[in-house]
């Protein structure tokens, strides 16, 4: 899965929602905002795609700088998966350079209570515009105080924003 950001809106015509299939693989695109898309891509003939899939890593971004240099953002359960992926890429003849890493820990992962509160808030329309439920009503549904819920949601939102903004921090360049 790949998140695509069409910053300047120049690729809107090329990024059409739906499924495309060919001899080489499949691509399904979903528009999630005016300039944001999610794409699920499978490629039957790309060695890099095969290496990525077999490594257990998850591609979060791929930014081409030239025809030969691509900066990847990758998530994995631990650095061993990334190390093995890089080793395999080098073995297959790719030039790879690790730029930076960012370790996720319990301070960046939602707790079960935070996730439950976010899911309930979302489902009941707390994040809708306009809101369909007040924080008082939501707190009542979750059987907690308004202040507790407010802090829980803010902390969960802070973690989500941090994770969203730092997705590209585990990057390396393909040369």
C-alpha atoms as a PDB file:
ATOM      1  CA  UNK A   1       0.000   0.000   0.000  1.00  0.00           C
ATOM      2  CA  UNK A   2       1.286   3.438  -0.913  1.00  0.00           C
ATOM      3  CA  UNK A   3       0.085   6.879   0.113  1.00  0.00           C
ATOM      4  CA  UNK A   4       0.352   9.329  -2.781  1.00  0.00           C
ATOM      5  CA  UNK A   5       0.321  13.088  -2.267  1.00  0.00           C
ATOM      6  CA  UNK A   6      -0.360  15.167  -5.374  1.00  0.00           C
ATOM      7  CA  UNK A   7       0.948  18.387  -3.815  1.00  0.00           C
ATOM      8  CA  UNK A   8       0.500  20.679  -6.792  1.00  0.00           C
ATOM      9  CA  UNK A   9      -2.567  18.903  -8.254  1.00  0.00           C
ATOM     10  CA  UNK A  10      -0.804  18.175 -11.565  1.00  0.00           C
ATOM     11  CA  UNK A  11      -1.502  14.425 -11.540  1.00  0.00           C
ATOM     12  CA  UNK A  12      -5.248  14.390 -10.848  1.00  0.00           C
ATOM     13  CA  UNK A  13      -6.029  13.083 -14.338  1.00  0.00           C
ATOM     14  CA  UNK A  14      -3.514  10.241 -13.967  1.00  0.00           C
ATOM     15  CA  UNK A  15      -4.719   9.224 -10.486  1.00  0.00           C
ATOM     16  CA  UNK A  16      -8.156   7.809 -11.140  1.00  0.00           C
ATOM     17  CA  UNK A  17      -9.984   5.731  -8.539  1.00  0.00           C
ATOM     18  CA  UNK A  18     -10.509   2.059  -9.245  1.00  0.00           C
ATOM     19  CA  UNK A  19      -8.684  -1.144 -10.146  1.00  0.00           C
ATOM     20  CA  UNK A  20      -6.227  -1.544 -13.003  1.00  0.00           C
ATOM     21  CA  UNK A  21      -4.783  -4.931 -13.985  1.00  0.00           C
ATOM     22  CA  UNK A  22      -2.103  -5.926 -16.446  1.00  0.00           C
ATOM     23  CA  UNK A  23       0.353  -8.696 -17.127  1.00  0.00           C
ATOM     24  CA  UNK A  24       2.746  -6.996 -14.708  1.00  0.00           C
ATOM     25  CA  UNK A  25       0.416  -6.700 -11.702  1.00  0.00           C
ATOM     26  CA  UNK A  26      -2.514  -4.789 -10.269  1.00  0.00           C
ATOM     27  CA  UNK A  27      -3.156  -1.339  -8.846  1.00  0.00           C
ATOM     28  CA  UNK A  28      -6.197  -0.131  -6.946  1.00  0.00           C
ATOM     29  CA  UNK A  29      -6.429   3.593  -6.190  1.00  0.00           C
ATOM     30  CA  UNK A  30      -8.654   5.238  -3.594  1.00  0.00           C
ATOM     31  CA  UNK A  31      -8.933   9.036  -3.309  1.00  0.00           C
ATOM     32  CA  UNK A  32      -9.005   9.984   0.391  1.00  0.00           C
ATOM     33  CA  UNK A  33      -8.840  13.781   0.024  1.00  0.00           C
ATOM     34  CA  UNK A  34      -8.433  16.305  -2.827  1.00  0.00           C
ATOM     35  CA  UNK A  35      -4.655  15.739  -2.958  1.00  0.00           C
ATOM     36  CA  UNK A  36      -4.239  12.409  -1.109  1.00  0.00           C
ATOM     37  CA  UNK A  37      -4.591   8.909  -2.544  1.00  0.00           C
ATOM     38  CA  UNK A  38      -4.005   5.390  -1.277  1.00  0.00           C
ATOM     39  CA  UNK A  39      -2.841   2.775  -3.762  1.00  0.00           C
ATOM     40  CA  UNK A  40      -2.584  -0.955  -3.280  1.00  0.00           C
ATOM     41  CA  UNK A  41       0.000  -2.131  -5.777  1.00  0.00           C
ATOM     42  CA  UNK A  42       1.158  -5.632  -6.647  1.00  0.00           C
ATOM     43  CA  UNK A  43       3.941  -6.047  -9.179  1.00  0.00           C
ATOM     44  CA  UNK A  44       4.691  -9.473 -10.588  1.00  0.00           C
ATOM     45  CA  UNK A  45       7.931  -8.514 -12.351  1.00  0.00           C
ATOM     46  CA  UNK A  46       9.777  -6.091 -10.053  1.00  0.00           C
ATOM     47  CA  UNK A  47      12.710  -7.466  -8.078  1.00  0.00           C
ATOM     48  CA  UNK A  48      12.543  -4.553  -5.596  1.00  0.00           C
ATOM     49  CA  UNK A  49       8.844  -5.245  -4.922  1.00  0.00           C
ATOM     50  CA  UNK A  50       9.662  -8.915  -4.349  1.00  0.00           C
ATOM     51  CA  UNK A  51      12.506  -8.038  -1.960  1.00  0.00           C
ATOM     52  CA  UNK A  52      10.271  -5.625  -0.061  1.00  0.00           C
ATOM     53  CA  UNK A  53       7.429  -8.141   0.298  1.00  0.00           C
ATOM     54  CA  UNK A  54       9.749 -10.944   1.372  1.00  0.00           C
ATOM     55  CA  UNK A  55      11.527  -8.713   3.903  1.00  0.00           C
ATOM     56  CA  UNK A  56       8.486  -8.170   6.095  1.00  0.00           C
ATOM     57  CA  UNK A  57       8.852  -4.395   5.733  1.00  0.00           C
ATOM     58  CA  UNK A  58       6.076  -2.005   4.746  1.00  0.00           C
ATOM     59  CA  UNK A  59       6.710   0.772   2.222  1.00  0.00           C
ATOM     60  CA  UNK A  60       5.250   4.066   3.490  1.00  0.00           C
ATOM     61  CA  UNK A  61       6.661   6.399   0.851  1.00  0.00           C
ATOM     62  CA  UNK A  62       8.745   6.389  -2.310  1.00  0.00           C
ATOM     63  CA  UNK A  63      10.002   9.735  -3.544  1.00  0.00           C
ATOM     64  CA  UNK A  64      11.882   9.730  -6.872  1.00  0.00           C
ATOM     65  CA  UNK A  65      14.660  12.326  -7.165  1.00  0.00           C
ATOM     66  CA  UNK A  66      16.052  11.063 -10.457  1.00  0.00           C
ATOM     67  CA  UNK A  67      15.520   7.957 -12.593  1.00  0.00           C
ATOM     68  CA  UNK A  68      18.162   6.245 -10.438  1.00  0.00           C
ATOM     69  CA  UNK A  69      17.601   7.734  -6.964  1.00  0.00           C
ATOM     70  CA  UNK A  70      14.482   6.964  -4.931  1.00  0.00           C
ATOM     71  CA  UNK A  71      14.044   7.780  -1.263  1.00  0.00           C
ATOM     72  CA  UNK A  72      11.957   5.163   0.554  1.00  0.00           C
ATOM     73  CA  UNK A  73      10.152   5.385   3.860  1.00  0.00           C
ATOM     74  CA  UNK A  74       9.855   1.945   5.438  1.00  0.00           C
ATOM     75  CA  UNK A  75       8.175   0.565   8.556  1.00  0.00           C
ATOM     76  CA  UNK A  76       9.138  -2.726  10.160  1.00  0.00           C
ATOM     77  CA  UNK A  77       8.757  -4.526  13.452  1.00  0.00           C
ATOM     78  CA  UNK A  78      12.471  -4.151  14.132  1.00  0.00           C
ATOM     79  CA  UNK A  79      15.719  -3.110  12.475  1.00  0.00           C
ATOM     80  CA  UNK A  80      16.622  -6.710  11.608  1.00  0.00           C
ATOM     81  CA  UNK A  81      13.966  -6.739   8.864  1.00  0.00           C
ATOM     82  CA  UNK A  82      15.327  -3.524   7.371  1.00  0.00           C
ATOM     83  CA  UNK A  83      18.926  -4.773   7.615  1.00  0.00           C
ATOM     84  CA  UNK A  84      18.016  -8.024   5.816  1.00  0.00           C
ATOM     85  CA  UNK A  85      16.141  -6.097   3.129  1.00  0.00           C
ATOM     86  CA  UNK A  86      19.118  -3.793   2.518  1.00  0.00           C
ATOM     87  CA  UNK A  87      21.484  -6.772   2.460  1.00  0.00           C
ATOM     88  CA  UNK A  88      19.303  -8.536  -0.129  1.00  0.00           C
ATOM     89  CA  UNK A  89      19.023  -5.379  -2.245  1.00  0.00           C
ATOM     90  CA  UNK A  90      22.810  -5.037  -2.284  1.00  0.00           C
ATOM     91  CA  UNK A  91      23.163  -8.745  -3.122  1.00  0.00           C
ATOM     92  CA  UNK A  92      20.868  -8.184  -6.135  1.00  0.00           C
ATOM     93  CA  UNK A  93      23.083  -5.305  -7.342  1.00  0.00           C
ATOM     94  CA  UNK A  94      21.212  -2.267  -6.045  1.00  0.00           C
ATOM     95  CA  UNK A  95      23.129   0.600  -4.471  1.00  0.00           C
ATOM     96  CA  UNK A  96      21.479   1.363  -1.130  1.00  0.00           C
ATOM     97  CA  UNK A  97      22.258   3.954   1.516  1.00  0.00           C
ATOM     98  CA  UNK A  98      20.523   4.181   4.894  1.00  0.00           C
ATOM     99  CA  UNK A  99      19.842   7.839   5.697  1.00  0.00           C
ATOM    100  CA  UNK A 100      18.091   7.703   9.060  1.00  0.00           C
ATOM    101  CA  UNK A 101      16.038   5.570  11.403  1.00  0.00           C
ATOM    102  CA  UNK A 102      13.322   6.294  13.916  1.00  0.00           C
ATOM    103  CA  UNK A 103      12.434   3.746  16.570  1.00  0.00           C
ATOM    104  CA  UNK A 104       8.781   3.455  17.489  1.00  0.00           C
ATOM    105  CA  UNK A 105       8.080   2.713  21.118  1.00  0.00           C
ATOM    106  CA  UNK A 106       5.195   2.667  23.555  1.00  0.00           C
ATOM    107  CA  UNK A 107       5.224   6.480  23.662  1.00  0.00           C
ATOM    108  CA  UNK A 108       4.334   6.561  19.947  1.00  0.00           C
ATOM    109  CA  UNK A 109       1.822   3.691  19.903  1.00  0.00           C
ATOM    110  CA  UNK A 110      -1.791   4.098  21.005  1.00  0.00           C
ATOM    111  CA  UNK A 111      -2.860   2.374  24.194  1.00  0.00           C
ATOM    112  CA  UNK A 112      -5.925   0.126  24.061  1.00  0.00           C
ATOM    113  CA  UNK A 113      -7.996   2.777  25.890  1.00  0.00           C
ATOM    114  CA  UNK A 114      -6.846   5.519  23.507  1.00  0.00           C
ATOM    115  CA  UNK A 115      -7.685   3.382  20.498  1.00  0.00           C
ATOM    116  CA  UNK A 116     -11.112   2.456  21.934  1.00  0.00           C
ATOM    117  CA  UNK A 117     -11.877   6.128  22.635  1.00  0.00           C
ATOM    118  CA  UNK A 118     -10.791   7.191  19.131  1.00  0.00           C
ATOM    119  CA  UNK A 119     -12.816   4.449  17.458  1.00  0.00           C
ATOM    120  CA  UNK A 120     -15.930   5.313  19.491  1.00  0.00           C
ATOM    121  CA  UNK A 121     -15.422   9.046  18.866  1.00  0.00           C
ATOM    122  CA  UNK A 122     -15.067   8.450  15.145  1.00  0.00           C
ATOM    123  CA  UNK A 123     -18.034   6.072  14.878  1.00  0.00           C
ATOM    124  CA  UNK A 124     -20.328   8.389  16.851  1.00  0.00           C
ATOM    125  CA  UNK A 125     -19.366  11.440  14.800  1.00  0.00           C
ATOM    126  CA  UNK A 126     -17.145  13.380  17.200  1.00  0.00           C
ATOM    127  CA  UNK A 127     -14.747  14.053  14.316  1.00  0.00           C
ATOM    128  CA  UNK A 128     -17.517  14.867  11.826  1.00  0.00           C
ATOM    129  CA  UNK A 129     -18.033  18.451  10.686  1.00  0.00           C
ATOM    130  CA  UNK A 130     -20.276  19.525  12.245  1.00  0.00           C
ATOM    131  CA  UNK A 131     -19.916  17.220  15.266  1.00  0.00           C
ATOM    132  CA  UNK A 132     -22.695  14.692  15.763  1.00  0.00           C
ATOM    133  CA  UNK A 133     -21.855  14.106  19.434  1.00  0.00           C
ATOM    134  CA  UNK A 134     -20.456  16.352  22.151  1.00  0.00           C
ATOM    135  CA  UNK A 135     -17.509  15.443  24.338  1.00  0.00           C
ATOM    136  CA  UNK A 136     -19.914  15.260  27.301  1.00  0.00           C
ATOM    137  CA  UNK A 137     -22.086  12.670  25.512  1.00  0.00           C
ATOM    138  CA  UNK A 138     -19.031  10.775  24.325  1.00  0.00           C
ATOM    139  CA  UNK A 139     -17.583  10.694  27.861  1.00  0.00           C
ATOM    140  CA  UNK A 140     -20.894   9.356  29.128  1.00  0.00           C
ATOM    141  CA  UNK A 141     -20.852   6.591  26.474  1.00  0.00           C
ATOM    142  CA  UNK A 142     -17.296   5.684  27.471  1.00  0.00           C
ATOM    143  CA  UNK A 143     -18.113   5.849  31.187  1.00  0.00           C
ATOM    144  CA  UNK A 144     -15.391   8.376  32.007  1.00  0.00           C
ATOM    145  CA  UNK A 145     -15.154  12.055  32.883  1.00  0.00           C
ATOM    146  CA  UNK A 146     -15.039  14.773  30.250  1.00  0.00           C
ATOM    147  CA  UNK A 147     -11.561  15.864  31.375  1.00  0.00           C
ATOM    148  CA  UNK A 148     -10.198  12.306  31.273  1.00  0.00           C
ATOM    149  CA  UNK A 149     -11.598  11.768  27.792  1.00  0.00           C
ATOM    150  CA  UNK A 150     -10.275  15.112  26.578  1.00  0.00           C
ATOM    151  CA  UNK A 151      -6.735  14.288  27.725  1.00  0.00           C
ATOM    152  CA  UNK A 152      -6.971  10.745  26.313  1.00  0.00           C
ATOM    153  CA  UNK A 153      -8.116  11.986  22.889  1.00  0.00           C
ATOM    154  CA  UNK A 154      -5.513  14.775  22.753  1.00  0.00           C
ATOM    155  CA  UNK A 155      -2.712  12.358  23.639  1.00  0.00           C
ATOM    156  CA  UNK A 156      -3.932   9.833  21.042  1.00  0.00           C
ATOM    157  CA  UNK A 157      -4.228  12.591  18.426  1.00  0.00           C
ATOM    158  CA  UNK A 158      -0.695  13.797  19.270  1.00  0.00           C
ATOM    159  CA  UNK A 159       0.661  10.282  18.720  1.00  0.00           C
ATOM    160  CA  UNK A 160      -1.221   9.917  15.431  1.00  0.00           C
ATOM    161  CA  UNK A 161       0.029  13.268  14.144  1.00  0.00           C
ATOM    162  CA  UNK A 162       3.605  12.436  15.191  1.00  0.00           C
ATOM    163  CA  UNK A 163       3.425   9.044  13.455  1.00  0.00           C
ATOM    164  CA  UNK A 164       1.849  10.567  10.336  1.00  0.00           C
ATOM    165  CA  UNK A 165       4.498  13.279  10.062  1.00  0.00           C
ATOM    166  CA  UNK A 166       7.413  10.935  10.783  1.00  0.00           C
ATOM    167  CA  UNK A 167       6.487   8.141   8.337  1.00  0.00           C
ATOM    168  CA  UNK A 168       9.304   9.197   6.012  1.00  0.00           C
ATOM    169  CA  UNK A 169      11.964   9.198   8.735  1.00  0.00           C
ATOM    170  CA  UNK A 170      13.024   5.561   8.112  1.00  0.00           C
ATOM    171  CA  UNK A 171      14.454   6.311   4.707  1.00  0.00           C
ATOM    172  CA  UNK A 172      17.266   5.211   2.512  1.00  0.00           C
ATOM    173  CA  UNK A 173      18.184   6.047  -1.069  1.00  0.00           C
ATOM    174  CA  UNK A 174      18.379   3.679  -4.004  1.00  0.00           C
ATOM    175  CA  UNK A 175      21.265   4.713  -6.211  1.00  0.00           C
END
